[in-house]
């Protein structure tokens, strides 16, 4: 009984709505009403995740054909490697329908229900649900997956979580210092992998590691008028909604730092079972793999550009910060009216109270970069491709309306990106900046790997700010058109209209040093020029 209860507690998606395939008329989340990934599968893009390795860590694991008898004789997904924590998986042990469903969303090769990146290489580790297992074993599992494929894993999916009640710290709160949370932030930087974490769901209870800094946390959407455009009511409520105030620090980040980064489809998603049948699933567990697999599509394109030695493409395209900023900046908020002023967005995303981005505190307050329920908006794989494919441009010369960069900033010396063309009056500007919290391993045996019994050291977060300013503004001029100046986040995000046509520049400011005097960052921008 205790084992069964553990699986129910930890699996974010196990409380999902499921039903046999014949009970539904399926509508995919991969088409234009969802994340528009199917377009990338087809010519001229031909992106299916080929040769890109992604990972998965859960309590259980998907079945692997040839290893597990429970897998259909006609396997509908191909898993590159399966493990039990940091050891090879045993045949017919640890196979879990939930993990198989999550894997199917990413790499299913079923013709009727394809995965988002059906040709990606998926490595999956099952932590297990035995008594005594917890965050150290989960960290070992994540580290083991990060080291697969020669240490080249581009993203790792976490569709599970840990309850605070199991955290061994005295009076634990969501302050980013749980072992698993620090493990995620450490591994993000050291292994250069983007962790994608299913958001805390329902009444909460499984919030670790959603208090991370360096990963992307995902909320889930449901359909409204046929389009995935509403934050589903099953997502955890935002701080300030009545009785939920008392949960601050327990189910929400204690310092009002927002946890949700992006929204992805998660309601009634068709996916495959080990025996080959199909069922519909609901939950943040099934939103997260939409994001993880989208990374595989983008990275396939980036590697293609590198092989072709295309200008504006360096190995910076493989940085986890770049993937994070590309996904967040390209997310959809407000449907474009056909004039391009809202950056060509295809949907208006609304929260659980039916409010859109223009009604959010994130839009109105420069110190709040992310909406509590919506993050920066709804995942859109094709828009992410558009953002990423624009290429890298540094601040040494004027930059085009659309692009990204990976660079460094020194304390006291702002970095400015001058937009080459004047911006159109009434158009929106979207700019996102991200950088890593510095977490280091307390490496007792000096083997440069986490081992059970070791811990991590939080060296804190340098504070960067983001501004849109007139092109003639001096580096010390604080008069900005738009700004994002959070003091607690490692994401800054601007989405605002330009009232007056003219020439502008984007300024990155190193406002406060907490550890090193030089800070690496990634930035992405999307604007509308006059011509």
Protein backbone atom coordinates (compact mmCIF):
# COMPACT_ATOMS: atom_id res chain seq x y z
CA UNK A 1 0.00 0.00 0.00
CA UNK A 2 2.77 2.46 0.90
CA UNK A 3 4.46 1.90 -2.45
CA UNK A 4 1.19 2.55 -4.27
CA UNK A 5 0.64 5.77 -2.30
CA UNK A 6 4.15 6.97 -3.15
CA UNK A 7 3.50 6.57 -6.86
CA UNK A 8 0.27 8.52 -6.56
CA UNK A 9 1.96 11.29 -4.56
CA UNK A 10 4.97 11.77 -6.78
CA UNK A 11 3.56 11.36 -10.26
CA UNK A 12 2.36 14.76 -11.36
CA UNK A 13 0.25 13.28 -14.10
CA UNK A 14 -1.06 10.17 -12.35
CA UNK A 15 -4.20 11.98 -11.29
CA UNK A 16 -4.81 12.84 -14.93
CA UNK A 17 -7.98 12.11 -16.83
CA UNK A 18 -7.56 8.98 -18.97
CA UNK A 19 -9.85 6.85 -21.07
CA UNK A 20 -9.69 4.23 -23.80
CA UNK A 21 -8.89 5.48 -27.26
CA UNK A 22 -12.27 4.69 -28.76
CA UNK A 23 -13.99 7.06 -26.32
CA UNK A 24 -12.48 10.11 -28.00
CA UNK A 25 -12.24 11.83 -31.32
CA UNK A 26 -8.57 12.76 -31.20
CA UNK A 27 -7.25 16.20 -31.96
CA UNK A 28 -3.52 16.59 -31.84
CA UNK A 29 -1.67 19.24 -29.85
CA UNK A 30 1.03 19.29 -32.53
CA UNK A 31 -0.96 21.17 -35.17
CA UNK A 32 -1.62 24.89 -35.47
CA UNK A 33 -4.21 24.84 -32.67
CA UNK A 34 -1.49 23.56 -30.33
CA UNK A 35 2.22 24.19 -30.72
CA UNK A 36 2.39 24.03 -34.55
CA UNK A 37 5.19 21.44 -34.57
CA UNK A 38 3.84 19.34 -37.45
CA UNK A 39 4.80 22.13 -39.84
CA UNK A 40 8.44 21.65 -38.83
CA UNK A 41 8.28 17.93 -39.67
CA UNK A 42 7.53 18.73 -43.30
CA UNK A 43 9.59 20.28 -46.11
CA UNK A 44 11.35 22.62 -46.30
CA UNK A 45 12.17 22.29 -42.58
CA UNK A 46 12.34 18.49 -42.18
CA UNK A 47 12.96 18.73 -38.44
CA UNK A 48 12.19 15.61 -36.41
CA UNK A 49 14.98 15.63 -33.82
CA UNK A 50 17.45 13.49 -35.77
CA UNK A 51 20.69 12.77 -33.87
CA UNK A 52 19.61 15.00 -30.97
CA UNK A 53 19.67 13.40 -27.54
CA UNK A 54 17.13 14.34 -24.86
CA UNK A 55 16.48 12.84 -21.45
CA UNK A 56 13.74 11.84 -19.05
CA UNK A 57 13.80 11.26 -15.28
CA UNK A 58 10.77 9.91 -13.44
CA UNK A 59 9.79 7.46 -10.75
CA UNK A 60 9.32 4.83 -13.49
CA UNK A 61 10.49 4.53 -17.07
CA UNK A 62 9.06 3.83 -20.53
CA UNK A 63 9.22 0.33 -21.91
CA UNK A 64 11.93 -0.52 -24.43
CA UNK A 65 11.34 -2.97 -27.25
CA UNK A 66 13.56 -6.02 -26.89
CA UNK A 67 14.04 -5.39 -23.16
CA UNK A 68 10.51 -5.42 -21.73
CA UNK A 69 7.78 -7.94 -22.49
CA UNK A 70 5.07 -5.36 -21.80
CA UNK A 71 6.00 -3.44 -24.93
CA UNK A 72 3.85 -4.08 -27.99
CA UNK A 73 5.17 -6.35 -30.69
CA UNK A 74 4.74 -3.28 -32.88
CA UNK A 75 6.67 -0.72 -30.81
CA UNK A 76 5.33 2.79 -31.20
CA UNK A 77 8.32 4.57 -29.71
CA UNK A 78 12.04 4.00 -29.75
CA UNK A 79 14.01 4.61 -26.57
CA UNK A 80 17.78 4.83 -26.92
CA UNK A 81 18.63 3.85 -23.34
CA UNK A 82 16.79 2.92 -20.14
CA UNK A 83 18.25 2.94 -16.64
CA UNK A 84 17.43 2.33 -13.02
CA UNK A 85 18.91 5.41 -11.41
CA UNK A 86 22.55 5.26 -12.59
CA UNK A 87 22.61 1.58 -13.57
CA UNK A 88 21.29 -0.24 -16.65
CA UNK A 89 17.61 -1.11 -16.28
CA UNK A 90 16.62 -4.70 -15.62
CA UNK A 91 14.23 -6.35 -18.07
CA UNK A 92 10.56 -5.95 -17.16
CA UNK A 93 11.41 -3.85 -14.09
CA UNK A 94 10.34 -0.25 -13.48
CA UNK A 95 8.19 0.07 -16.62
CA UNK A 96 5.48 2.62 -15.93
CA UNK A 97 2.56 3.68 -18.11
CA UNK A 98 2.88 7.32 -17.00
CA UNK A 99 6.53 7.49 -18.04
CA UNK A 100 5.71 5.71 -21.31
CA UNK A 101 2.94 8.24 -22.04
CA UNK A 102 5.34 11.14 -21.41
CA UNK A 103 7.98 9.56 -23.63
CA UNK A 104 5.38 9.03 -26.37
CA UNK A 105 4.62 12.75 -26.53
CA UNK A 106 8.29 13.31 -27.25
CA UNK A 107 9.39 10.41 -29.48
CA UNK A 108 6.39 8.33 -30.58
CA UNK A 109 6.76 7.03 -34.13
CA UNK A 110 3.11 6.01 -34.38
CA UNK A 111 1.85 7.38 -37.70
CA UNK A 112 -1.51 8.41 -36.26
CA UNK A 113 -0.07 9.90 -33.05
CA UNK A 114 3.51 10.99 -33.76
CA UNK A 115 5.77 12.48 -31.15
CA UNK A 116 7.00 16.04 -31.43
CA UNK A 117 10.55 14.82 -32.12
CA UNK A 118 10.02 11.22 -33.29
CA UNK A 119 13.62 10.73 -34.38
CA UNK A 120 15.28 12.13 -31.26
CA UNK A 121 17.38 9.87 -29.05
CA UNK A 122 15.64 9.47 -25.69
CA UNK A 123 17.49 8.31 -22.56
CA UNK A 124 15.30 7.58 -19.54
CA UNK A 125 16.04 6.78 -15.91
CA UNK A 126 13.63 5.39 -13.31
CA UNK A 127 14.37 6.58 -9.79
CA UNK A 128 12.07 3.99 -8.22
CA UNK A 129 9.59 4.29 -5.39
CA UNK A 130 11.22 2.16 -2.72
CA UNK A 131 11.32 3.38 0.87
CA UNK A 132 14.40 5.45 1.56
CA UNK A 133 14.77 6.81 -1.96
CA UNK A 134 14.55 10.55 -2.42
CA UNK A 135 16.37 13.63 -3.66
CA UNK A 136 19.93 12.19 -3.63
CA UNK A 137 18.84 9.29 -5.85
CA UNK A 138 16.86 11.63 -8.08
CA UNK A 139 19.96 13.81 -8.49
CA UNK A 140 22.06 10.76 -9.32
CA UNK A 141 19.51 9.77 -11.94
CA UNK A 142 19.50 13.24 -13.50
CA UNK A 143 23.29 13.38 -13.54
CA UNK A 144 23.47 9.94 -15.14
CA UNK A 145 21.11 11.00 -17.94
CA UNK A 146 23.02 14.25 -18.46
CA UNK A 147 26.18 12.21 -19.10
CA UNK A 148 24.65 9.97 -21.78
CA UNK A 149 25.36 10.33 -25.51
CA UNK A 150 28.93 11.32 -24.74
CA UNK A 151 27.70 14.03 -22.38
CA UNK A 152 25.66 15.67 -25.12
CA UNK A 153 22.07 15.80 -23.85
CA UNK A 154 20.26 18.96 -24.89
CA UNK A 155 17.20 18.82 -22.58
CA UNK A 156 15.92 16.63 -19.72
CA UNK A 157 12.23 16.22 -18.88
CA UNK A 158 11.05 16.11 -15.26
CA UNK A 159 7.40 15.02 -15.08
CA UNK A 160 7.54 14.33 -11.37
CA UNK A 161 8.29 16.16 -8.15
CA UNK A 162 9.09 15.87 -4.45
CA UNK A 163 6.82 16.98 -1.58
CA UNK A 164 8.17 19.36 1.03
CA UNK A 165 7.05 16.85 3.66
CA UNK A 166 9.88 14.56 2.52
CA UNK A 167 12.54 17.26 2.47
CA UNK A 168 15.02 16.60 5.31
CA UNK A 169 15.70 20.29 6.01
CA UNK A 170 14.24 21.80 9.17
CA UNK A 171 11.11 23.81 8.30
CA UNK A 172 11.68 23.55 4.53
CA UNK A 173 10.31 26.20 2.19
CA UNK A 174 10.59 26.79 -1.54
CA UNK A 175 13.70 28.94 -1.41
CA UNK A 176 15.68 27.10 -4.08
CA UNK A 177 17.85 25.27 -1.56
CA UNK A 178 16.42 21.76 -1.60
CA UNK A 179 19.07 19.29 -2.74
CA UNK A 180 17.21 18.32 -5.92
CA UNK A 181 16.55 21.96 -6.82
CA UNK A 182 20.21 22.87 -6.42
CA UNK A 183 21.14 19.72 -8.35
CA UNK A 184 19.01 20.88 -11.29
CA UNK A 185 20.56 24.36 -11.27
CA UNK A 186 24.09 22.93 -10.93
CA UNK A 187 23.62 20.36 -13.70
CA UNK A 188 22.03 22.96 -16.00
CA UNK A 189 25.27 24.92 -15.97
CA UNK A 190 27.88 22.16 -15.65
CA UNK A 191 26.32 19.74 -18.15
CA UNK A 192 24.83 22.46 -20.37
CA UNK A 193 21.35 20.93 -20.43
CA UNK A 194 17.96 22.61 -20.27
CA UNK A 195 15.81 21.01 -17.59
CA UNK A 196 12.08 21.19 -18.29
CA UNK A 197 10.01 20.73 -15.13
CA UNK A 198 6.30 19.98 -14.88
CA UNK A 199 4.67 22.73 -12.82
CA UNK A 200 3.14 22.09 -9.41
CA UNK A 201 -0.46 21.09 -10.03
CA UNK A 202 -3.88 20.89 -8.34
CA UNK A 203 -3.59 21.56 -4.62
CA UNK A 204 0.19 21.38 -4.76
CA UNK A 205 2.06 18.87 -2.69
CA UNK A 206 4.92 18.14 -5.12
CA UNK A 207 6.68 21.47 -5.62
CA UNK A 208 10.37 20.45 -5.57
CA UNK A 209 12.19 21.28 -7.89
CA UNK A 210 9.79 23.94 -9.25
CA UNK A 211 11.69 26.48 -7.11
CA UNK A 212 14.65 26.21 -9.49
CA UNK A 213 16.21 29.16 -11.29
CA UNK A 214 17.97 27.72 -14.34
CA UNK A 215 15.29 25.36 -15.69
CA UNK A 216 11.92 26.08 -17.34
CA UNK A 217 8.75 25.25 -15.40
CA UNK A 218 5.67 24.43 -17.45
CA UNK A 219 1.96 25.01 -16.75
CA UNK A 220 -0.69 23.40 -18.94
CA UNK A 221 -3.39 24.73 -21.22
CA UNK A 222 -6.74 23.43 -22.36
CA UNK A 223 -8.74 24.20 -25.48
CA UNK A 224 -11.03 27.18 -25.79
CA UNK A 225 -12.99 27.45 -29.05
CA UNK A 226 -10.81 24.67 -30.44
CA UNK A 227 -7.45 26.27 -29.61
CA UNK A 228 -5.12 25.62 -26.68
CA UNK A 229 -5.45 29.10 -25.24
CA UNK A 230 -6.52 28.88 -21.58
CA UNK A 231 -4.49 28.08 -18.49
CA UNK A 232 -6.34 25.03 -17.21
CA UNK A 233 -8.12 25.33 -13.89
CA UNK A 234 -6.17 22.36 -12.51
CA UNK A 235 -2.92 24.35 -12.45
CA UNK A 236 -1.90 25.54 -9.02
CA UNK A 237 -3.50 28.88 -8.15
CA UNK A 238 -1.44 32.03 -8.09
CA UNK A 239 -0.29 33.59 -4.84
CA UNK A 240 -2.88 36.09 -3.61
CA UNK A 241 -5.95 34.10 -4.63
CA UNK A 242 -7.77 34.08 -1.30
CA UNK A 243 -6.78 31.21 0.99
CA UNK A 244 -3.70 30.38 -1.05
CA UNK A 245 -1.80 33.23 0.60
CA UNK A 246 -1.10 30.97 3.55
CA UNK A 247 0.69 28.55 1.20
CA UNK A 248 3.35 31.09 0.19
CA UNK A 249 6.72 29.50 0.82
CA UNK A 250 5.13 26.05 1.01
CA UNK A 251 3.59 25.61 -2.41
CA UNK A 252 4.85 28.88 -3.94
CA UNK A 253 8.31 30.44 -3.95
CA UNK A 254 8.68 32.22 -0.65
CA UNK A 255 10.09 35.50 -2.04
CA UNK A 256 7.27 36.00 -4.60
CA UNK A 257 9.62 34.84 -7.35
CA UNK A 258 7.42 33.39 -10.08
CA UNK A 259 7.81 29.72 -10.90
CA UNK A 260 5.92 29.27 -14.19
CA UNK A 261 8.02 30.04 -17.26
CA UNK A 262 5.77 28.91 -20.11
CA UNK A 263 2.45 27.21 -20.87
CA UNK A 264 2.03 24.17 -23.15
CA UNK A 265 -0.88 21.89 -24.09
CA UNK A 266 -1.77 19.42 -21.36
CA UNK A 267 -5.48 18.64 -21.54
CA UNK A 268 -6.79 15.48 -23.22
CA UNK A 269 -3.53 14.73 -25.04
CA UNK A 270 -3.54 11.45 -27.00
CA UNK A 271 -0.50 9.34 -26.25
CA UNK A 272 0.64 5.73 -26.47
CA UNK A 273 0.69 2.93 -23.88
CA UNK A 274 3.34 0.18 -23.68
CA UNK A 275 0.88 -2.33 -25.21
CA UNK A 276 0.31 -0.13 -28.25
CA UNK A 277 -3.08 1.27 -27.25
CA UNK A 278 -3.76 5.00 -27.12
CA UNK A 279 -5.36 7.04 -24.36
CA UNK A 280 -5.99 10.67 -23.52
CA UNK A 281 -4.04 12.18 -20.64
CA UNK A 282 -4.20 15.48 -18.75
CA UNK A 283 -1.77 17.32 -16.51
CA UNK A 284 1.43 19.34 -16.31
CA UNK A 285 3.28 16.03 -16.72
CA UNK A 286 2.16 16.02 -20.34
CA UNK A 287 2.74 19.72 -21.00
CA UNK A 288 6.44 19.53 -20.07
CA UNK A 289 7.42 17.02 -22.80
CA UNK A 290 5.99 19.39 -25.43
CA UNK A 291 8.72 21.83 -24.41
CA UNK A 292 11.49 19.22 -24.07
CA UNK A 293 10.83 17.77 -27.53
CA UNK A 294 10.62 21.23 -29.11
CA UNK A 295 14.21 21.75 -27.94
CA UNK A 296 15.17 18.66 -29.98
CA UNK A 297 13.66 20.19 -33.13
CA UNK A 298 15.46 23.49 -32.60
CA UNK A 299 18.76 21.80 -31.82
CA UNK A 300 18.55 19.69 -34.96
CA UNK A 301 18.24 22.91 -36.94
CA UNK A 302 21.10 24.53 -35.03
CA UNK A 303 23.41 21.58 -35.64
CA UNK A 304 22.47 21.68 -39.32
CA UNK A 305 23.55 25.33 -39.51
CA UNK A 306 26.82 24.49 -37.74
CA UNK A 307 27.60 21.63 -40.13
CA UNK A 308 26.97 23.95 -43.07
CA UNK A 309 29.21 26.57 -41.47
CA UNK A 310 26.52 29.19 -41.86
CA UNK A 311 27.34 32.73 -40.74
CA UNK A 312 25.80 33.83 -37.44
CA UNK A 313 26.03 30.28 -36.08
CA UNK A 314 28.45 29.17 -33.36
CA UNK A 315 28.33 26.54 -30.64
CA UNK A 316 26.57 29.19 -28.53
CA UNK A 317 23.44 27.84 -30.27
CA UNK A 318 23.79 24.75 -28.05
CA UNK A 319 23.76 26.72 -24.80
CA UNK A 320 20.89 25.90 -22.43
CA UNK A 321 20.43 29.62 -21.70
CA UNK A 322 19.88 30.25 -25.42
CA UNK A 323 17.25 27.53 -25.64
CA UNK A 324 15.49 28.93 -22.59
CA UNK A 325 15.44 32.50 -23.85
CA UNK A 326 14.32 31.47 -27.35
CA UNK A 327 11.37 29.48 -25.99
CA UNK A 328 10.29 32.20 -23.58
CA UNK A 329 10.63 35.13 -25.97
CA UNK A 330 8.73 33.43 -28.80
CA UNK A 331 5.81 32.37 -26.58
CA UNK A 332 2.37 33.67 -27.57
CA UNK A 333 0.36 36.19 -25.55
CA UNK A 334 -1.99 38.22 -27.76
CA UNK A 335 -3.44 37.30 -31.13
CA UNK A 336 -2.21 39.48 -33.95
CA UNK A 337 -4.92 41.41 -35.82
CA UNK A 338 -3.27 40.76 -39.18
CA UNK A 339 -1.11 43.87 -39.26
CA UNK A 340 1.91 42.27 -37.64
CA UNK A 341 1.99 44.72 -34.74
CA UNK A 342 1.59 41.91 -32.21
CA UNK A 343 4.49 39.98 -33.74
CA UNK A 344 2.26 37.62 -35.74
CA UNK A 345 0.97 35.73 -32.69
CA UNK A 346 -1.83 33.28 -33.42
CA UNK A 347 -3.72 33.15 -30.09
CA UNK A 348 -4.61 35.15 -27.03
CA UNK A 349 -3.74 33.21 -23.91
CA UNK A 350 -5.98 33.75 -20.87
CA UNK A 351 -5.46 32.71 -17.27
CA UNK A 352 -7.89 30.90 -14.98
CA UNK A 353 -9.76 34.17 -14.32
CA UNK A 354 -10.02 34.80 -18.10
CA UNK A 355 -7.55 37.67 -17.96
CA UNK A 356 -5.02 38.21 -20.73
CA UNK A 357 -1.47 39.51 -20.62
CA UNK A 358 -2.48 43.18 -20.79
CA UNK A 359 -4.40 42.71 -17.54
CA UNK A 360 -1.52 41.00 -15.73
CA UNK A 361 0.76 42.49 -13.08
CA UNK A 362 3.70 41.33 -15.19
CA UNK A 363 2.60 43.75 -17.93
CA UNK A 364 2.05 46.61 -15.51
CA UNK A 365 4.99 46.27 -13.12
CA UNK A 366 8.61 46.37 -14.33
CA UNK A 367 9.74 44.41 -11.26
CA UNK A 368 7.58 41.41 -12.25
CA UNK A 369 8.89 39.73 -15.43
CA UNK A 370 6.66 36.62 -15.42
CA UNK A 371 2.93 36.16 -15.00
CA UNK A 372 2.18 33.83 -12.08
CA UNK A 373 0.00 31.56 -14.23
CA UNK A 374 1.15 32.21 -17.80
CA UNK A 375 4.91 32.81 -17.48
CA UNK A 376 5.78 34.57 -20.74
CA UNK A 377 2.96 32.90 -22.70
CA UNK A 378 2.11 29.78 -24.67
CA UNK A 379 4.66 27.52 -26.36
CA UNK A 380 4.67 27.74 -30.14
CA UNK A 381 7.28 25.51 -31.78
CA UNK A 382 7.22 27.24 -35.17
CA UNK A 383 7.61 30.70 -33.63
CA UNK A 384 10.48 29.33 -31.54
CA UNK A 385 12.03 28.15 -34.81
CA UNK A 386 11.57 31.62 -36.31
CA UNK A 387 13.21 33.21 -33.28
CA UNK A 388 16.12 30.75 -33.25
CA UNK A 389 16.70 30.61 -37.01
CA UNK A 390 17.22 34.38 -37.13
CA UNK A 391 20.71 33.68 -35.81
CA UNK A 392 23.13 35.21 -33.34
CA UNK A 393 24.04 38.90 -33.39
CA UNK A 394 26.32 40.57 -30.87
CA UNK A 395 26.30 44.19 -29.75
CA UNK A 396 29.31 45.29 -31.79
CA UNK A 397 27.14 46.46 -34.67
CA UNK A 398 23.44 47.28 -35.28
CA UNK A 399 21.17 44.23 -35.06
CA UNK A 400 18.13 43.18 -37.15
CA UNK A 401 14.53 43.22 -35.86
CA UNK A 402 14.72 39.54 -34.87
CA UNK A 403 17.63 37.70 -33.28
CA UNK A 404 19.43 36.40 -30.20
CA UNK A 405 22.84 36.47 -28.56
CA UNK A 406 24.93 34.69 -25.96
CA UNK A 407 27.44 36.97 -24.34
CA UNK A 408 29.03 38.29 -21.18
CA UNK A 409 28.58 41.48 -19.21
CA UNK A 410 30.98 43.11 -16.75
CA UNK A 411 29.94 44.96 -13.65
CA UNK A 412 29.49 48.66 -14.36
CA UNK A 413 29.59 48.35 -18.16
CA UNK A 414 26.16 48.07 -19.86
CA UNK A 415 25.80 46.12 -23.10
CA UNK A 416 23.63 47.79 -25.74
CA UNK A 417 22.06 46.29 -28.87
CA UNK A 418 21.18 49.03 -31.32
CA UNK A 419 18.29 48.08 -33.61
CA UNK A 420 19.34 48.74 -37.18
CA UNK A 421 15.89 49.87 -38.33
CA UNK A 422 13.38 52.23 -36.71
CA UNK A 423 10.50 50.54 -34.92
CA UNK A 424 6.93 50.95 -36.14
CA UNK A 425 4.56 52.99 -33.99
CA UNK A 426 2.04 50.85 -32.15
CA UNK A 427 4.06 47.68 -32.59
CA UNK A 428 4.99 45.45 -29.68
CA UNK A 429 8.52 44.65 -28.64
CA UNK A 430 9.39 41.32 -27.01
CA UNK A 431 12.79 40.97 -25.33
CA UNK A 432 13.89 38.28 -22.87
CA UNK A 433 17.10 38.00 -20.88
CA UNK A 434 18.23 35.03 -18.78
CA UNK A 435 21.34 33.98 -16.88
CA UNK A 436 22.24 31.25 -14.40
CA UNK A 437 22.16 31.13 -10.65
CA UNK A 438 25.62 29.93 -9.58
CA UNK A 439 25.35 26.62 -7.73
CA UNK A 440 28.54 24.67 -7.06
CA UNK A 441 29.07 21.08 -5.99
CA UNK A 442 30.62 20.47 -2.57
CA UNK A 443 32.79 17.74 -4.07
CA UNK A 444 34.28 15.81 -1.16
CA UNK A 445 36.15 13.23 -3.24
CA UNK A 446 37.07 15.67 -6.02
CA UNK A 447 35.72 13.44 -8.81
CA UNK A 448 33.69 16.32 -10.30
CA UNK A 449 30.48 14.31 -9.92
CA UNK A 450 27.68 14.28 -7.40
CA UNK A 451 27.80 11.30 -5.05
CA UNK A 452 25.37 10.34 -2.32
CA UNK A 453 26.27 12.20 0.85
CA UNK A 454 27.48 15.28 -1.00
CA UNK A 455 25.63 18.56 -1.26
CA UNK A 456 25.68 21.84 -3.15
CA UNK A 457 26.63 25.42 -2.37
CA UNK A 458 24.41 28.28 -3.51
CA UNK A 459 26.61 31.22 -4.41
CA UNK A 460 23.59 33.29 -5.31
CA UNK A 461 22.34 35.31 -8.23
CA UNK A 462 23.86 38.38 -9.82
CA UNK A 463 21.23 40.97 -10.70
CA UNK A 464 20.83 42.04 -14.33
CA UNK A 465 18.24 44.46 -15.69
CA UNK A 466 16.77 44.98 -19.14
CA UNK A 467 15.67 48.19 -20.87
CA UNK A 468 14.38 49.49 -24.20
CA UNK A 469 15.67 53.04 -24.65
CA UNK A 470 15.89 55.66 -27.41
CA UNK A 471 18.96 55.19 -29.55
CA UNK A 472 20.47 58.50 -28.41
CA UNK A 473 20.15 57.70 -24.67
CA UNK A 474 23.43 57.75 -22.76
CA UNK A 475 24.56 54.67 -20.80
CA UNK A 476 23.61 56.44 -17.56
CA UNK A 477 20.24 57.70 -18.81
CA UNK A 478 17.50 55.89 -16.82
CA UNK A 479 14.64 57.12 -19.02
CA UNK A 480 13.46 53.92 -20.67
CA UNK A 481 10.50 53.16 -22.92
CA UNK A 482 10.08 49.76 -21.25
CA UNK A 483 12.00 47.96 -18.52
CA UNK A 484 12.26 44.70 -16.61
CA UNK A 485 14.04 45.11 -13.29
CA UNK A 486 13.23 42.18 -11.02
CA UNK A 487 15.46 41.88 -7.97
CA UNK A 488 14.75 38.17 -7.36
CA UNK A 489 14.55 36.49 -10.78
CA UNK A 490 17.14 35.35 -13.31
CA UNK A 491 14.72 36.13 -16.13
CA UNK A 492 13.89 39.63 -17.32
CA UNK A 493 11.13 40.01 -19.89
CA UNK A 494 9.78 43.00 -21.79
CA UNK A 495 6.57 42.93 -23.81
CA UNK A 496 5.31 46.41 -24.51
CA UNK A 497 4.05 48.66 -27.32
CA UNK A 498 6.14 51.39 -28.92
CA UNK A 499 4.07 54.57 -28.89
CA UNK A 500 6.33 56.55 -31.21
CA UNK A 501 8.15 55.38 -34.33
CA UNK A 502 11.89 55.83 -34.12
CA UNK A 503 15.28 54.30 -33.46
CA UNK A 504 15.81 52.33 -30.29
CA UNK A 505 18.31 50.09 -28.55
CA UNK A 506 18.13 47.28 -26.02
CA UNK A 507 20.25 47.76 -22.91
CA UNK A 508 21.48 45.02 -20.57
CA UNK A 509 22.66 46.35 -17.22
CA UNK A 510 24.66 44.53 -14.53
CA UNK A 511 22.98 46.12 -11.52
CA UNK A 512 24.36 44.19 -8.53
CA UNK A 513 27.23 41.77 -8.04
CA UNK A 514 26.65 38.78 -5.73
CA UNK A 515 29.48 36.50 -6.89
CA UNK A 516 31.61 36.86 -10.05
CA UNK A 517 32.21 40.28 -11.69
CA UNK A 518 31.52 38.85 -15.17
CA UNK A 519 28.13 37.27 -15.94
CA UNK A 520 27.25 35.15 -18.98
CA UNK A 521 23.74 35.71 -20.33
CA UNK A 522 21.43 34.93 -23.24
CA UNK A 523 19.10 37.44 -24.84
CA UNK A 524 16.44 37.23 -27.58
CA UNK A 525 14.44 40.00 -29.20
CA UNK A 526 11.48 40.24 -31.59
CA UNK A 527 10.47 43.63 -32.97
CA UNK A 528 8.64 45.19 -35.92
CA UNK A 529 10.53 47.67 -38.05
CA UNK A 530 9.03 50.37 -40.26
CA UNK A 531 10.42 48.88 -43.46
